[in-house]
Amino acid sequence: MPFAIDALAAFCREREALGLSTLVCVAEGVHPAGAGAWLQAQLAPKVGCDVRSISLGHLQRDGSPTAFDRVLATRFGYAAAQLVKAGDTGRMVTLKGTDCSSVPIADVAGRNRLVPPDHALVQAARGLGVFVGY
């Protein structure tokens, strides 16, 4: 989602004034590459606190799996095996609601699925005080 650097800086300064810290996350798929370092350089002179850029990579996916993660992995593995058994290759297993399904890989590979600004999760984030771009 597009954002104005000055709006983000104002958001950070408001939190600083309340004695709060701010964590800014740049989503995967953002362009150009190196957006975190660019954001650090742009934001640092506009706020009164330390600004650091860290690329998490796979580190962000660390942690112990939950029971849900383990069960979902088992369900996905079984669904994938059933696709192979049926000779239905070139598909990706998906979760729709609580049901495992599949879609052709060609339908999802090589593109980003953008979140609409009016999506319920975006509205919920904003309602919780999360800066989601302006």
N, C-alpha and C. Protein backbone atom coordinates (compact mmCIF):
# COMPACT_ATOMS: atom_id res chain seq x y z
N MET A 1 0.84 -1.18 0.00
CA MET A 1 0.00 0.00 0.00
C MET A 1 0.88 1.23 0.00
N PRO A 2 0.50 2.21 -0.77
CA PRO A 2 1.31 3.42 -0.79
C PRO A 2 1.27 4.14 0.55
N PHE A 3 2.33 4.86 0.82
CA PHE A 3 2.38 5.64 2.06
C PHE A 3 3.22 6.88 1.82
N ALA A 4 2.98 7.88 2.65
CA ALA A 4 3.78 9.11 2.60
C ALA A 4 4.78 9.04 3.74
N ILE A 5 6.05 9.26 3.44
CA ILE A 5 7.10 9.18 4.46
C ILE A 5 6.83 10.17 5.59
N ASP A 6 6.30 11.34 5.28
CA ASP A 6 6.01 12.33 6.32
C ASP A 6 4.89 11.86 7.23
N ALA A 7 3.89 11.15 6.68
CA ALA A 7 2.81 10.61 7.50
C ALA A 7 3.33 9.53 8.44
N LEU A 8 4.23 8.68 7.92
CA LEU A 8 4.83 7.65 8.76
C LEU A 8 5.69 8.28 9.85
N ALA A 9 6.47 9.29 9.51
CA ALA A 9 7.31 9.97 10.50
C ALA A 9 6.44 10.61 11.59
N ALA A 10 5.34 11.23 11.20
CA ALA A 10 4.43 11.84 12.18
C ALA A 10 3.85 10.78 13.10
N PHE A 11 3.49 9.65 12.53
CA PHE A 11 2.97 8.52 13.32
C PHE A 11 4.01 8.09 14.36
N CYS A 12 5.27 7.96 13.94
CA CYS A 12 6.36 7.56 14.85
C CYS A 12 6.58 8.60 15.94
N ARG A 13 6.58 9.88 15.56
CA ARG A 13 6.79 10.95 16.55
C ARG A 13 5.66 10.97 17.58
N GLU A 14 4.43 10.74 17.16
CA GLU A 14 3.30 10.70 18.10
C GLU A 14 3.52 9.58 19.12
N ARG A 15 3.98 8.44 18.66
CA ARG A 15 4.24 7.31 19.57
C ARG A 15 5.41 7.63 20.50
N GLU A 16 6.46 8.27 19.96
CA GLU A 16 7.60 8.66 20.79
C GLU A 16 7.15 9.58 21.91
N ALA A 17 6.27 10.53 21.58
CA ALA A 17 5.78 11.50 22.58
C ALA A 17 5.04 10.80 23.71
N LEU A 18 4.47 9.64 23.42
CA LEU A 18 3.77 8.85 24.44
C LEU A 18 4.70 7.88 25.16
N GLY A 19 6.00 7.90 24.80
CA GLY A 19 6.97 7.00 25.41
C GLY A 19 6.91 5.60 24.83
N LEU A 20 6.34 5.47 23.63
CA LEU A 20 6.19 4.16 23.00
C LEU A 20 7.23 3.96 21.91
N SER A 21 7.56 2.72 21.65
CA SER A 21 8.46 2.37 20.55
C SER A 21 7.62 2.02 19.33
N THR A 22 8.25 2.08 18.18
CA THR A 22 7.56 1.74 16.93
C THR A 22 8.39 0.75 16.15
N LEU A 23 7.76 -0.30 15.68
CA LEU A 23 8.40 -1.30 14.83
C LEU A 23 7.78 -1.16 13.45
N VAL A 24 8.59 -0.87 12.46
CA VAL A 24 8.11 -0.71 11.08
C VAL A 24 8.51 -1.96 10.32
N CYS A 25 7.55 -2.62 9.70
CA CYS A 25 7.81 -3.82 8.91
C CYS A 25 7.52 -3.54 7.45
N VAL A 26 8.44 -3.91 6.58
CA VAL A 26 8.25 -3.77 5.14
C VAL A 26 7.91 -5.16 4.62
N ALA A 27 6.74 -5.29 4.00
CA ALA A 27 6.26 -6.59 3.55
C ALA A 27 7.09 -7.14 2.40
N GLU A 28 7.10 -8.47 2.30
CA GLU A 28 7.79 -9.09 1.18
C GLU A 28 7.07 -8.68 -0.10
N GLY A 29 7.81 -8.61 -1.16
CA GLY A 29 7.24 -8.22 -2.44
C GLY A 29 7.26 -6.73 -2.68
N VAL A 30 7.73 -5.95 -1.69
CA VAL A 30 7.79 -4.51 -1.88
C VAL A 30 8.91 -4.19 -2.86
N HIS A 31 8.72 -3.15 -3.63
CA HIS A 31 9.73 -2.74 -4.61
C HIS A 31 10.12 -1.31 -4.34
N PRO A 32 11.31 -0.88 -4.51
CA PRO A 32 12.46 -1.62 -5.02
C PRO A 32 13.10 -2.49 -3.94
N ALA A 33 13.98 -3.38 -4.38
CA ALA A 33 14.75 -4.17 -3.43
C ALA A 33 15.55 -3.22 -2.55
N GLY A 34 15.71 -3.58 -1.30
CA GLY A 34 16.43 -2.69 -0.39
C GLY A 34 15.54 -1.61 0.18
N ALA A 35 14.23 -1.82 0.14
CA ALA A 35 13.29 -0.80 0.62
C ALA A 35 13.49 -0.52 2.11
N GLY A 36 13.90 -1.51 2.88
CA GLY A 36 14.13 -1.30 4.30
C GLY A 36 15.24 -0.30 4.56
N ALA A 37 16.34 -0.44 3.83
CA ALA A 37 17.46 0.50 3.98
C ALA A 37 17.06 1.89 3.50
N TRP A 38 16.30 1.95 2.41
CA TRP A 38 15.81 3.24 1.91
C TRP A 38 14.92 3.91 2.95
N LEU A 39 14.01 3.12 3.53
CA LEU A 39 13.10 3.66 4.53
C LEU A 39 13.87 4.16 5.75
N GLN A 40 14.89 3.42 6.16
CA GLN A 40 15.72 3.84 7.28
C GLN A 40 16.35 5.20 7.00
N ALA A 41 16.92 5.36 5.81
CA ALA A 41 17.58 6.62 5.44
C ALA A 41 16.59 7.79 5.38
N GLN A 42 15.38 7.53 4.94
CA GLN A 42 14.37 8.58 4.82
C GLN A 42 13.77 8.94 6.18
N LEU A 43 13.57 7.94 7.03
CA LEU A 43 12.86 8.14 8.29
C LEU A 43 13.76 8.70 9.39
N ALA A 44 15.01 8.28 9.42
CA ALA A 44 15.93 8.67 10.50
C ALA A 44 15.99 10.17 10.76
N PRO A 45 16.13 11.02 9.75
CA PRO A 45 16.22 12.46 10.05
C PRO A 45 14.88 13.08 10.47
N LYS A 46 13.79 12.35 10.33
CA LYS A 46 12.47 12.91 10.60
C LYS A 46 11.92 12.53 11.98
N VAL A 47 12.61 11.64 12.69
CA VAL A 47 12.15 11.21 14.01
C VAL A 47 13.28 11.40 15.02
N GLY A 48 12.96 11.35 16.28
CA GLY A 48 13.96 11.60 17.31
C GLY A 48 14.54 10.36 17.95
N CYS A 49 14.38 9.21 17.32
CA CYS A 49 14.86 7.97 17.93
C CYS A 49 15.75 7.22 16.95
N ASP A 50 16.34 6.14 17.43
CA ASP A 50 17.16 5.26 16.60
C ASP A 50 16.30 4.63 15.52
N VAL A 51 16.81 4.54 14.32
CA VAL A 51 16.13 3.85 13.23
C VAL A 51 17.12 2.84 12.66
N ARG A 52 16.76 1.58 12.69
CA ARG A 52 17.63 0.52 12.17
C ARG A 52 16.88 -0.32 11.17
N SER A 53 17.59 -0.86 10.20
CA SER A 53 17.01 -1.73 9.19
C SER A 53 17.62 -3.11 9.34
N ILE A 54 16.76 -4.11 9.42
CA ILE A 54 17.22 -5.50 9.54
C ILE A 54 16.42 -6.33 8.54
N SER A 55 17.10 -7.14 7.75
CA SER A 55 16.42 -8.06 6.84
C SER A 55 16.32 -9.41 7.54
N LEU A 56 15.10 -9.81 7.85
CA LEU A 56 14.92 -11.02 8.64
C LEU A 56 15.07 -12.30 7.83
N GLY A 57 14.67 -12.30 6.58
CA GLY A 57 14.73 -13.51 5.79
C GLY A 57 13.97 -14.64 6.48
N HIS A 58 14.59 -15.79 6.56
CA HIS A 58 13.92 -16.94 7.17
C HIS A 58 13.89 -16.85 8.69
N LEU A 59 14.64 -15.93 9.27
CA LEU A 59 14.64 -15.77 10.72
C LEU A 59 13.22 -15.49 11.24
N GLN A 60 12.43 -14.76 10.47
CA GLN A 60 11.08 -14.42 10.91
C GLN A 60 10.18 -15.64 11.00
N ARG A 61 10.57 -16.72 10.37
CA ARG A 61 9.75 -17.92 10.39
C ARG A 61 10.21 -18.90 11.46
N ASP A 62 11.06 -18.43 12.34
CA ASP A 62 11.59 -19.28 13.40
C ASP A 62 10.56 -19.43 14.51
N GLY A 63 10.77 -20.38 15.35
CA GLY A 63 9.88 -20.58 16.48
C GLY A 63 9.30 -21.98 16.45
N SER A 64 8.79 -22.39 17.56
CA SER A 64 8.20 -23.72 17.66
C SER A 64 6.84 -23.75 16.97
N PRO A 65 6.58 -24.79 16.19
CA PRO A 65 5.28 -24.89 15.56
C PRO A 65 4.19 -25.14 16.60
N THR A 66 3.04 -24.58 16.34
CA THR A 66 1.89 -24.81 17.22
C THR A 66 1.21 -26.11 16.82
N ALA A 67 0.25 -26.54 17.61
CA ALA A 67 -0.52 -27.74 17.26
C ALA A 67 -1.22 -27.53 15.92
N PHE A 68 -1.75 -26.33 15.70
CA PHE A 68 -2.40 -26.02 14.42
C PHE A 68 -1.42 -26.19 13.26
N ASP A 69 -0.17 -25.68 13.43
CA ASP A 69 0.84 -25.79 12.39
C ASP A 69 1.11 -27.25 12.05
N ARG A 70 1.23 -28.08 13.08
CA ARG A 70 1.55 -29.49 12.87
C ARG A 70 0.41 -30.22 12.16
N VAL A 71 -0.81 -29.95 12.60
CA VAL A 71 -1.96 -30.60 11.97
C VAL A 71 -2.11 -30.12 10.53
N LEU A 72 -1.94 -28.81 10.30
CA LEU A 72 -2.06 -28.28 8.95
C LEU A 72 -0.99 -28.88 8.03
N ALA A 73 0.23 -29.01 8.52
CA ALA A 73 1.30 -29.61 7.72
C ALA A 73 0.94 -31.05 7.34
N THR A 74 0.37 -31.79 8.28
CA THR A 74 -0.05 -33.16 8.00
C THR A 74 -1.15 -33.18 6.95
N ARG A 75 -2.12 -32.29 7.09
CA ARG A 75 -3.23 -32.22 6.13
C ARG A 75 -2.73 -31.82 4.75
N PHE A 76 -1.81 -30.83 4.69
CA PHE A 76 -1.27 -30.41 3.41
C PHE A 76 -0.47 -31.55 2.75
N GLY A 77 0.34 -32.23 3.54
CA GLY A 77 1.12 -33.35 3.01
C GLY A 77 0.23 -34.43 2.45
N TYR A 78 -0.83 -34.76 3.18
CA TYR A 78 -1.77 -35.78 2.71
C TYR A 78 -2.47 -35.33 1.43
N ALA A 79 -2.92 -34.08 1.41
CA ALA A 79 -3.61 -33.56 0.22
C ALA A 79 -2.67 -33.56 -0.99
N ALA A 80 -1.41 -33.19 -0.78
CA ALA A 80 -0.43 -33.19 -1.88
C ALA A 80 -0.20 -34.61 -2.37
N ALA A 81 -0.09 -35.56 -1.45
CA ALA A 81 0.11 -36.97 -1.84
C ALA A 81 -1.08 -37.48 -2.64
N GLN A 82 -2.29 -37.07 -2.27
CA GLN A 82 -3.48 -37.49 -3.00
C GLN A 82 -3.49 -36.93 -4.42
N LEU A 83 -3.01 -35.69 -4.56
CA LEU A 83 -2.92 -35.10 -5.90
C LEU A 83 -1.94 -35.90 -6.77
N VAL A 84 -0.79 -36.23 -6.21
CA VAL A 84 0.21 -37.00 -6.95
C VAL A 84 -0.34 -38.38 -7.30
N LYS A 85 -0.99 -39.02 -6.34
CA LYS A 85 -1.57 -40.35 -6.56
C LYS A 85 -2.58 -40.32 -7.71
N ALA A 86 -3.33 -39.22 -7.80
CA ALA A 86 -4.34 -39.09 -8.85
C ALA A 86 -3.73 -38.60 -10.17
N GLY A 87 -2.39 -38.33 -10.17
CA GLY A 87 -1.74 -37.84 -11.37
C GLY A 87 -2.07 -36.39 -11.67
N ASP A 88 -2.55 -35.70 -10.65
CA ASP A 88 -2.95 -34.30 -10.79
C ASP A 88 -1.79 -33.41 -10.34
N THR A 89 -0.78 -33.27 -11.19
CA THR A 89 0.42 -32.51 -10.84
C THR A 89 0.29 -31.06 -11.29
N GLY A 90 1.27 -30.26 -10.89
CA GLY A 90 1.26 -28.85 -11.27
C GLY A 90 0.25 -28.05 -10.47
N ARG A 91 -0.07 -28.54 -9.28
CA ARG A 91 -1.05 -27.86 -8.44
C ARG A 91 -0.43 -27.55 -7.08
N MET A 92 -0.98 -26.56 -6.40
CA MET A 92 -0.55 -26.16 -5.07
C MET A 92 -1.70 -26.40 -4.10
N VAL A 93 -1.41 -27.02 -2.98
CA VAL A 93 -2.44 -27.25 -1.96
C VAL A 93 -2.72 -25.92 -1.26
N THR A 94 -4.00 -25.66 -1.00
CA THR A 94 -4.42 -24.42 -0.35
C THR A 94 -5.35 -24.74 0.82
N LEU A 95 -5.55 -23.74 1.64
CA LEU A 95 -6.52 -23.84 2.73
C LEU A 95 -7.59 -22.78 2.48
N LYS A 96 -8.81 -23.21 2.29
CA LYS A 96 -9.94 -22.30 2.09
C LYS A 96 -10.89 -22.52 3.26
N GLY A 97 -10.91 -21.54 4.17
CA GLY A 97 -11.69 -21.74 5.39
C GLY A 97 -11.01 -22.81 6.21
N THR A 98 -11.69 -23.93 6.37
CA THR A 98 -11.10 -25.05 7.10
C THR A 98 -10.83 -26.24 6.18
N ASP A 99 -11.06 -26.07 4.87
CA ASP A 99 -10.93 -27.17 3.92
C ASP A 99 -9.66 -27.05 3.09
N CYS A 100 -8.99 -28.18 2.90
CA CYS A 100 -7.85 -28.23 1.98
C CYS A 100 -8.39 -28.35 0.57
N SER A 101 -7.78 -27.62 -0.32
CA SER A 101 -8.15 -27.63 -1.73
C SER A 101 -6.86 -27.50 -2.52
N SER A 102 -6.96 -27.23 -3.80
CA SER A 102 -5.76 -26.99 -4.60
C SER A 102 -6.10 -26.06 -5.76
N VAL A 103 -5.06 -25.41 -6.25
CA VAL A 103 -5.18 -24.53 -7.41
C VAL A 103 -4.00 -24.81 -8.32
N PRO A 104 -4.16 -24.54 -9.63
CA PRO A 104 -3.01 -24.71 -10.53
C PRO A 104 -1.89 -23.75 -10.12
N ILE A 105 -0.67 -24.24 -10.07
CA ILE A 105 0.47 -23.41 -9.70
C ILE A 105 0.57 -22.21 -10.64
N ALA A 106 0.26 -22.40 -11.91
CA ALA A 106 0.35 -21.31 -12.89
C ALA A 106 -0.57 -20.15 -12.52
N ASP A 107 -1.65 -20.42 -11.77
CA ASP A 107 -2.58 -19.37 -11.38
C ASP A 107 -2.02 -18.48 -10.26
N VAL A 108 -1.03 -18.97 -9.53
CA VAL A 108 -0.54 -18.21 -8.36
C VAL A 108 0.93 -17.86 -8.42
N ALA A 109 1.70 -18.51 -9.27
CA ALA A 109 3.15 -18.28 -9.31
C ALA A 109 3.47 -17.00 -10.08
N GLY A 110 4.52 -16.32 -9.63
CA GLY A 110 5.04 -15.18 -10.35
C GLY A 110 4.20 -13.92 -10.25
N ARG A 111 3.34 -13.83 -9.26
CA ARG A 111 2.55 -12.61 -9.09
C ARG A 111 2.29 -12.38 -7.61
N ASN A 112 1.97 -11.15 -7.28
CA ASN A 112 1.62 -10.80 -5.91
C ASN A 112 0.11 -10.67 -5.79
N ARG A 113 -0.41 -11.08 -4.66
CA ARG A 113 -1.83 -10.84 -4.36
C ARG A 113 -1.87 -9.64 -3.44
N LEU A 114 -2.36 -8.54 -3.95
CA LEU A 114 -2.40 -7.30 -3.18
C LEU A 114 -3.62 -7.28 -2.27
N VAL A 115 -3.44 -6.67 -1.12
CA VAL A 115 -4.53 -6.53 -0.16
C VAL A 115 -5.24 -5.21 -0.45
N PRO A 116 -6.54 -5.23 -0.71
CA PRO A 116 -7.26 -3.98 -0.98
C PRO A 116 -7.28 -3.09 0.26
N PRO A 117 -7.17 -1.78 0.07
CA PRO A 117 -7.14 -0.86 1.22
C PRO A 117 -8.37 -0.95 2.11
N ASP A 118 -9.50 -1.40 1.56
CA ASP A 118 -10.73 -1.49 2.36
C ASP A 118 -10.95 -2.88 2.95
N HIS A 119 -9.95 -3.76 2.85
CA HIS A 119 -10.06 -5.13 3.39
C HIS A 119 -10.29 -5.09 4.89
N ALA A 120 -11.06 -6.02 5.41
CA ALA A 120 -11.39 -6.07 6.84
C ALA A 120 -10.15 -6.14 7.72
N LEU A 121 -9.11 -6.85 7.29
CA LEU A 121 -7.89 -6.94 8.10
C LEU A 121 -7.15 -5.61 8.15
N VAL A 122 -7.17 -4.87 7.06
CA VAL A 122 -6.54 -3.55 7.04
C VAL A 122 -7.31 -2.62 7.98
N GLN A 123 -8.62 -2.67 7.91
CA GLN A 123 -9.44 -1.83 8.78
C GLN A 123 -9.22 -2.20 10.25
N ALA A 124 -9.09 -3.51 10.54
CA ALA A 124 -8.84 -3.95 11.91
C ALA A 124 -7.48 -3.43 12.40
N ALA A 125 -6.46 -3.52 11.53
CA ALA A 125 -5.13 -3.03 11.89
C ALA A 125 -5.18 -1.54 12.21
N ARG A 126 -5.83 -0.79 11.34
CA ARG A 126 -5.95 0.66 11.58
C ARG A 126 -6.70 0.94 12.87
N GLY A 127 -7.75 0.15 13.13
CA GLY A 127 -8.51 0.31 14.36
C GLY A 127 -7.69 0.05 15.61
N LEU A 128 -6.65 -0.77 15.47
CA LEU A 128 -5.75 -1.07 16.58
C LEU A 128 -4.61 -0.08 16.68
N GLY A 129 -4.58 0.91 15.78
CA GLY A 129 -3.53 1.92 15.82
C GLY A 129 -2.30 1.58 15.01
N VAL A 130 -2.42 0.63 14.07
CA VAL A 130 -1.30 0.25 13.23
C VAL A 130 -1.29 1.16 12.00
N PHE A 131 -0.12 1.70 11.65
CA PHE A 131 0.04 2.51 10.45
C PHE A 131 0.12 1.56 9.26
N VAL A 132 -0.81 1.68 8.33
CA VAL A 132 -0.85 0.77 7.21
C VAL A 132 -0.70 1.51 5.88
N GLY A 133 -0.21 2.71 5.92
CA GLY A 133 -0.02 3.48 4.70
C GLY A 133 -1.14 4.49 4.50
N TYR A 134 -0.77 5.63 4.00
CA TYR A 134 -1.72 6.70 3.72
C TYR A 134 -1.37 7.35 2.42
